[in-house]
Amino acid sequence: MTREDKDKVIGELSEYFTNYKFVYVTDTSAMSALDTNNMRRVFFKNNVKVRVAKNTLIIKALEKSNVDFKELKDTLKGTTALLFAEDAKVAAVAIKEFRKKGTKPVLKGAYIDSDVFIGDDKLDVLNSLKSREELIGEIITILQSPAKNVVSALQSGGGKLAGIVKTLSER
């Protein structure tokens, strides 16, 4: 790999690190070419970008991106595949989906909007995260609930009040 190729890879990765708030670091060692291609298809279907590079180039790209990835650098040992997603949960769901057929890829770590998760045991936690849209939907539901109760009480109370006024007028 020439110096220009390395600079190109570092530039591309640093751009990804800057633009994506959700980065997963996985171990894809001992995966066959067929499994790797199938894995890439699953990730592509879920809008997750997959990039494989040497750990030294990844570290240089991390430093160039000026984003504090904290202890995520410590996970860069062995074979590494980086997953970039626009949603915190999507990559974890894709990993779980692919792992129904095997044990790889193994999650080394994840950077989720300034929080770092280290270890494969965190995959279930990441899989249970709610997306931005889900959270907004829950907040709207919570905010609508009291308003619906007030409107309902006013409507039922208005009927009772009209009934009382009618009864009093008849007397």
C-alpha atoms as a PDB file:
ATOM      1  CA  MET A   1       0.000   0.000   0.000  1.00  0.00           C
ATOM      2  CA  THR A   2       1.525   3.302  -1.055  1.00  0.00           C
ATOM      3  CA  ARG A   3       1.632   6.428   1.076  1.00  0.00           C
ATOM      4  CA  GLU A   4      -1.085   8.043  -1.058  1.00  0.00           C
ATOM      5  CA  ASP A   5      -3.350   5.017  -0.550  1.00  0.00           C
ATOM      6  CA  LYS A   6      -2.800   5.165   3.195  1.00  0.00           C
ATOM      7  CA  ASP A   7      -3.557   8.891   3.265  1.00  0.00           C
ATOM      8  CA  LYS A   8      -6.715   8.283   1.258  1.00  0.00           C
ATOM      9  CA  VAL A   9      -7.891   5.588   3.714  1.00  0.00           C
ATOM     10  CA  ILE A  10      -7.069   7.803   6.714  1.00  0.00           C
ATOM     11  CA  GLY A  11      -8.937  10.728   5.150  1.00  0.00           C
ATOM     12  CA  GLU A  12     -11.994   8.614   4.350  1.00  0.00           C
ATOM     13  CA  LEU A  13     -12.102   7.068   7.825  1.00  0.00           C
ATOM     14  CA  SER A  14     -11.605  10.400   9.609  1.00  0.00           C
ATOM     15  CA  GLU A  15     -14.500  11.814   7.567  1.00  0.00           C
ATOM     16  CA  TYR A  16     -16.671   8.888   8.677  1.00  0.00           C
ATOM     17  CA  PHE A  17     -15.620   9.374  12.313  1.00  0.00           C
ATOM     18  CA  THR A  18     -16.513  13.056  12.090  1.00  0.00           C
ATOM     19  CA  ASN A  19     -19.857  12.557  10.325  1.00  0.00           C
ATOM     20  CA  TYR A  20     -21.239   9.523  12.171  1.00  0.00           C
ATOM     21  CA  LYS A  21     -22.199   9.619  15.855  1.00  0.00           C
ATOM     22  CA  PHE A  22     -22.598   5.830  16.030  1.00  0.00           C
ATOM     23  CA  VAL A  23     -19.504   3.708  15.426  1.00  0.00           C
ATOM     24  CA  TYR A  24     -19.135  -0.003  16.176  1.00  0.00           C
ATOM     25  CA  VAL A  25     -15.796  -1.822  16.304  1.00  0.00           C
ATOM     26  CA  THR A  26     -16.093  -5.546  15.577  1.00  0.00           C
ATOM     27  CA  ASP A  27     -13.843  -8.578  15.300  1.00  0.00           C
ATOM     28  CA  THR A  28     -14.297 -10.455  12.042  1.00  0.00           C
ATOM     29  CA  SER A  29     -11.308 -12.787  12.318  1.00  0.00           C
ATOM     30  CA  ALA A  30     -11.699 -16.366  11.119  1.00  0.00           C
ATOM     31  CA  MET A  31     -14.701 -15.496   8.962  1.00  0.00           C
ATOM     32  CA  SER A  32     -14.748 -17.044   5.511  1.00  0.00           C
ATOM     33  CA  ALA A  33     -15.096 -14.882   2.422  1.00  0.00           C
ATOM     34  CA  LEU A  34     -18.653 -16.170   1.954  1.00  0.00           C
ATOM     35  CA  ASP A  35     -19.592 -15.257   5.549  1.00  0.00           C
ATOM     36  CA  THR A  36     -17.969 -11.838   5.178  1.00  0.00           C
ATOM     37  CA  ASN A  37     -19.927 -11.143   1.974  1.00  0.00           C
ATOM     38  CA  ASN A  38     -23.173 -12.282   3.613  1.00  0.00           C
ATOM     39  CA  MET A  39     -22.402 -10.064   6.609  1.00  0.00           C
ATOM     40  CA  ARG A  40     -21.827  -7.085   4.329  1.00  0.00           C
ATOM     41  CA  ARG A  41     -25.191  -7.740   2.644  1.00  0.00           C
ATOM     42  CA  VAL A  42     -26.987  -7.742   6.012  1.00  0.00           C
ATOM     43  CA  PHE A  43     -25.302  -4.478   6.988  1.00  0.00           C
ATOM     44  CA  PHE A  44     -26.017  -2.890   3.590  1.00  0.00           C
ATOM     45  CA  LYS A  45     -29.685  -3.872   3.899  1.00  0.00           C
ATOM     46  CA  ASN A  46     -29.767  -2.103   7.306  1.00  0.00           C
ATOM     47  CA  ASN A  47     -27.979   1.075   6.057  1.00  0.00           C
ATOM     48  CA  VAL A  48     -24.797   0.338   8.003  1.00  0.00           C
ATOM     49  CA  LYS A  49     -21.498   1.200   6.310  1.00  0.00           C
ATOM     50  CA  VAL A  50     -18.715  -1.355   6.785  1.00  0.00           C
ATOM     51  CA  ARG A  51     -15.055  -0.408   6.512  1.00  0.00           C
ATOM     52  CA  VAL A  52     -12.072  -2.673   7.140  1.00  0.00           C
ATOM     53  CA  ALA A  53      -8.614  -1.188   7.610  1.00  0.00           C
ATOM     54  CA  LYS A  54      -5.380  -1.731   9.478  1.00  0.00           C
ATOM     55  CA  ASN A  55      -5.559  -0.722  13.108  1.00  0.00           C
ATOM     56  CA  THR A  56      -2.694   1.761  12.733  1.00  0.00           C
ATOM     57  CA  LEU A  57      -4.580   3.566   9.963  1.00  0.00           C
ATOM     58  CA  ILE A  58      -7.747   3.563  12.076  1.00  0.00           C
ATOM     59  CA  ILE A  59      -5.859   5.103  15.009  1.00  0.00           C
ATOM     60  CA  LYS A  60      -4.421   7.820  12.751  1.00  0.00           C
ATOM     61  CA  ALA A  61      -7.908   8.515  11.381  1.00  0.00           C
ATOM     62  CA  LEU A  62      -9.271   8.755  14.943  1.00  0.00           C
ATOM     63  CA  GLU A  63      -6.577  11.284  15.814  1.00  0.00           C
ATOM     64  CA  LYS A  64      -7.237  13.268  12.627  1.00  0.00           C
ATOM     65  CA  SER A  65     -11.003  13.412  13.237  1.00  0.00           C
ATOM     66  CA  ASN A  66     -10.562  15.392  16.500  1.00  0.00           C
ATOM     67  CA  VAL A  67     -13.420  13.455  18.129  1.00  0.00           C
ATOM     68  CA  ASP A  68     -12.709  12.005  21.569  1.00  0.00           C
ATOM     69  CA  PHE A  69     -13.343   8.283  21.178  1.00  0.00           C
ATOM     70  CA  LYS A  70     -11.987   7.693  24.701  1.00  0.00           C
ATOM     71  CA  GLU A  71     -11.027   4.078  25.399  1.00  0.00           C
ATOM     72  CA  LEU A  72     -12.318   2.844  22.037  1.00  0.00           C
ATOM     73  CA  LYS A  73      -8.724   2.989  20.770  1.00  0.00           C
ATOM     74  CA  ASP A  74      -7.849   0.174  23.190  1.00  0.00           C
ATOM     75  CA  THR A  75     -10.151  -2.203  21.286  1.00  0.00           C
ATOM     76  CA  LEU A  76      -8.130  -1.865  18.082  1.00  0.00           C
ATOM     77  CA  LYS A  77      -6.258  -5.157  18.246  1.00  0.00           C
ATOM     78  CA  GLY A  78      -6.478  -8.033  15.812  1.00  0.00           C
ATOM     79  CA  THR A  79      -8.812  -8.014  12.834  1.00  0.00           C
ATOM     80  CA  THR A  80     -11.116  -4.994  12.915  1.00  0.00           C
ATOM     81  CA  ALA A  81     -14.196  -4.068  10.938  1.00  0.00           C
ATOM     82  CA  LEU A  82     -15.758  -0.666  11.581  1.00  0.00           C
ATOM     83  CA  LEU A  83     -19.511  -0.171  11.322  1.00  0.00           C
ATOM     84  CA  PHE A  84     -20.917   3.320  10.808  1.00  0.00           C
ATOM     85  CA  ALA A  85     -24.622   3.965  11.315  1.00  0.00           C
ATOM     86  CA  GLU A  86     -26.987   6.913  11.491  1.00  0.00           C
ATOM     87  CA  ASP A  87     -29.018   5.245  14.252  1.00  0.00           C
ATOM     88  CA  ALA A  88     -27.625   3.877  17.512  1.00  0.00           C
ATOM     89  CA  LYS A  89     -29.585   0.654  17.388  1.00  0.00           C
ATOM     90  CA  VAL A  90     -29.382  -0.342  13.714  1.00  0.00           C
ATOM     91  CA  ALA A  91     -25.871  -1.823  13.768  1.00  0.00           C
ATOM     92  CA  ALA A  92     -26.581  -3.827  16.940  1.00  0.00           C
ATOM     93  CA  VAL A  93     -29.758  -5.231  15.374  1.00  0.00           C
ATOM     94  CA  ALA A  94     -27.828  -6.149  12.209  1.00  0.00           C
ATOM     95  CA  ILE A  95     -25.101  -7.900  14.238  1.00  0.00           C
ATOM     96  CA  LYS A  96     -27.730  -9.878  16.177  1.00  0.00           C
ATOM     97  CA  GLU A  97     -29.499 -10.763  12.918  1.00  0.00           C
ATOM     98  CA  PHE A  98     -26.297 -12.038  11.315  1.00  0.00           C
ATOM     99  CA  ARG A  99     -25.188 -13.907  14.440  1.00  0.00           C
ATOM    100  CA  LYS A 100     -28.228 -16.163  14.266  1.00  0.00           C
ATOM    101  CA  LYS A 101     -26.080 -18.199  11.870  1.00  0.00           C
ATOM    102  CA  GLY A 102     -22.812 -18.074  13.850  1.00  0.00           C
ATOM    103  CA  THR A 103     -20.760 -16.327  16.520  1.00  0.00           C
ATOM    104  CA  LYS A 104     -19.117 -13.608  14.435  1.00  0.00           C
ATOM    105  CA  PRO A 105     -18.769 -10.664  14.247  1.00  0.00           C
ATOM    106  CA  VAL A 106     -17.880 -10.097  17.870  1.00  0.00           C
ATOM    107  CA  LEU A 107     -18.471  -6.625  19.240  1.00  0.00           C
ATOM    108  CA  LYS A 108     -15.234  -5.132  20.562  1.00  0.00           C
ATOM    109  CA  GLY A 109     -16.704  -1.744  21.367  1.00  0.00           C
ATOM    110  CA  ALA A 110     -19.096   0.959  20.304  1.00  0.00           C
ATOM    111  CA  TYR A 111     -19.136   4.749  20.352  1.00  0.00           C
ATOM    112  CA  ILE A 112     -22.711   5.926  20.735  1.00  0.00           C
ATOM    113  CA  ASP A 113     -23.070   9.711  20.714  1.00  0.00           C
ATOM    114  CA  SER A 114     -20.162  10.363  23.150  1.00  0.00           C
ATOM    115  CA  ASP A 115     -20.715   7.196  25.244  1.00  0.00           C
ATOM    116  CA  VAL A 116     -18.404   4.210  24.894  1.00  0.00           C
ATOM    117  CA  PHE A 117     -19.469   0.579  25.330  1.00  0.00           C
ATOM    118  CA  ILE A 118     -16.692  -2.009  25.550  1.00  0.00           C
ATOM    119  CA  GLY A 119     -17.178  -5.751  25.096  1.00  0.00           C
ATOM    120  CA  ASP A 120     -19.495  -8.179  23.358  1.00  0.00           C
ATOM    121  CA  ASP A 121     -21.684  -8.410  26.467  1.00  0.00           C
ATOM    122  CA  LYS A 122     -22.925  -4.850  25.737  1.00  0.00           C
ATOM    123  CA  LEU A 123     -24.588  -5.952  22.483  1.00  0.00           C
ATOM    124  CA  ASP A 124     -27.922  -6.631  24.227  1.00  0.00           C
ATOM    125  CA  VAL A 125     -27.813  -3.179  25.840  1.00  0.00           C
ATOM    126  CA  LEU A 126     -27.132  -1.546  22.476  1.00  0.00           C
ATOM    127  CA  ASN A 127     -29.857  -3.644  20.862  1.00  0.00           C
ATOM    128  CA  SER A 128     -32.409  -2.366  23.383  1.00  0.00           C
ATOM    129  CA  LEU A 129     -31.603   1.316  22.812  1.00  0.00           C
ATOM    130  CA  LYS A 130     -34.475   3.369  21.489  1.00  0.00           C
ATOM    131  CA  SER A 131     -34.091   5.344  18.318  1.00  0.00           C
ATOM    132  CA  ARG A 132     -34.646   9.084  18.218  1.00  0.00           C
ATOM    133  CA  GLU A 133     -37.997   8.609  16.509  1.00  0.00           C
ATOM    134  CA  GLU A 134     -39.162   6.099  19.143  1.00  0.00           C
ATOM    135  CA  LEU A 135     -38.221   8.497  21.941  1.00  0.00           C
ATOM    136  CA  ILE A 136     -40.012  11.408  20.267  1.00  0.00           C
ATOM    137  CA  GLY A 137     -43.100   9.225  19.814  1.00  0.00           C
ATOM    138  CA  GLU A 138     -43.086   8.270  23.505  1.00  0.00           C
ATOM    139  CA  ILE A 139     -42.698  11.904  24.576  1.00  0.00           C
ATOM    140  CA  ILE A 140     -45.589  12.979  22.343  1.00  0.00           C
ATOM    141  CA  THR A 141     -47.763  10.197  23.765  1.00  0.00           C
ATOM    142  CA  ILE A 142     -46.912  11.247  27.322  1.00  0.00           C
ATOM    143  CA  LEU A 143     -47.639  14.896  26.553  1.00  0.00           C
ATOM    144  CA  GLN A 144     -50.937  14.092  24.822  1.00  0.00           C
ATOM    145  CA  SER A 145     -52.251  11.936  27.646  1.00  0.00           C
ATOM    146  CA  PRO A 146     -53.055  14.758  30.149  1.00  0.00           C
ATOM    147  CA  ALA A 147     -54.572  16.908  27.393  1.00  0.00           C
ATOM    148  CA  LYS A 148     -56.835  14.038  26.322  1.00  0.00           C
ATOM    149  CA  ASN A 149     -57.903  13.536  29.945  1.00  0.00           C
ATOM    150  CA  VAL A 150     -58.753  17.228  30.336  1.00  0.00           C
ATOM    151  CA  VAL A 151     -60.748  17.308  27.085  1.00  0.00           C
ATOM    152  CA  SER A 152     -62.559  14.123  28.047  1.00  0.00           C
ATOM    153  CA  ALA A 153     -63.398  15.490  31.513  1.00  0.00           C
ATOM    154  CA  LEU A 154     -64.656  18.748  30.034  1.00  0.00           C
ATOM    155  CA  GLN A 155     -66.815  16.947  27.504  1.00  0.00           C
ATOM    156  CA  SER A 156     -68.356  14.620  30.072  1.00  0.00           C
ATOM    157  CA  GLY A 157     -68.626  17.404  32.642  1.00  0.00           C
ATOM    158  CA  GLY A 158     -70.317  19.671  30.110  1.00  0.00           C
ATOM    159  CA  GLY A 159     -72.980  17.035  29.488  1.00  0.00           C
ATOM    160  CA  LYS A 160     -73.593  16.671  33.218  1.00  0.00           C
ATOM    161  CA  LEU A 161     -73.760  20.430  33.683  1.00  0.00           C
ATOM    162  CA  ALA A 162     -76.237  20.788  30.818  1.00  0.00           C
ATOM    163  CA  GLY A 163     -78.344  18.026  32.339  1.00  0.00           C
ATOM    164  CA  ILE A 164     -78.363  19.741  35.733  1.00  0.00           C
ATOM    165  CA  VAL A 165     -79.327  23.116  34.195  1.00  0.00           C
ATOM    166  CA  LYS A 166     -82.124  21.461  32.187  1.00  0.00           C
ATOM    167  CA  THR A 167     -83.468  19.674  35.263  1.00  0.00           C
ATOM    168  CA  LEU A 168     -83.378  22.886  37.312  1.00  0.00           C
ATOM    169  CA  SER A 169     -85.182  24.846  34.572  1.00  0.00           C
ATOM    170  CA  GLU A 170     -87.919  22.242  34.363  1.00  0.00           C
ATOM    171  CA  ARG A 171     -88.591  22.522  38.104  1.00  0.00           C
END
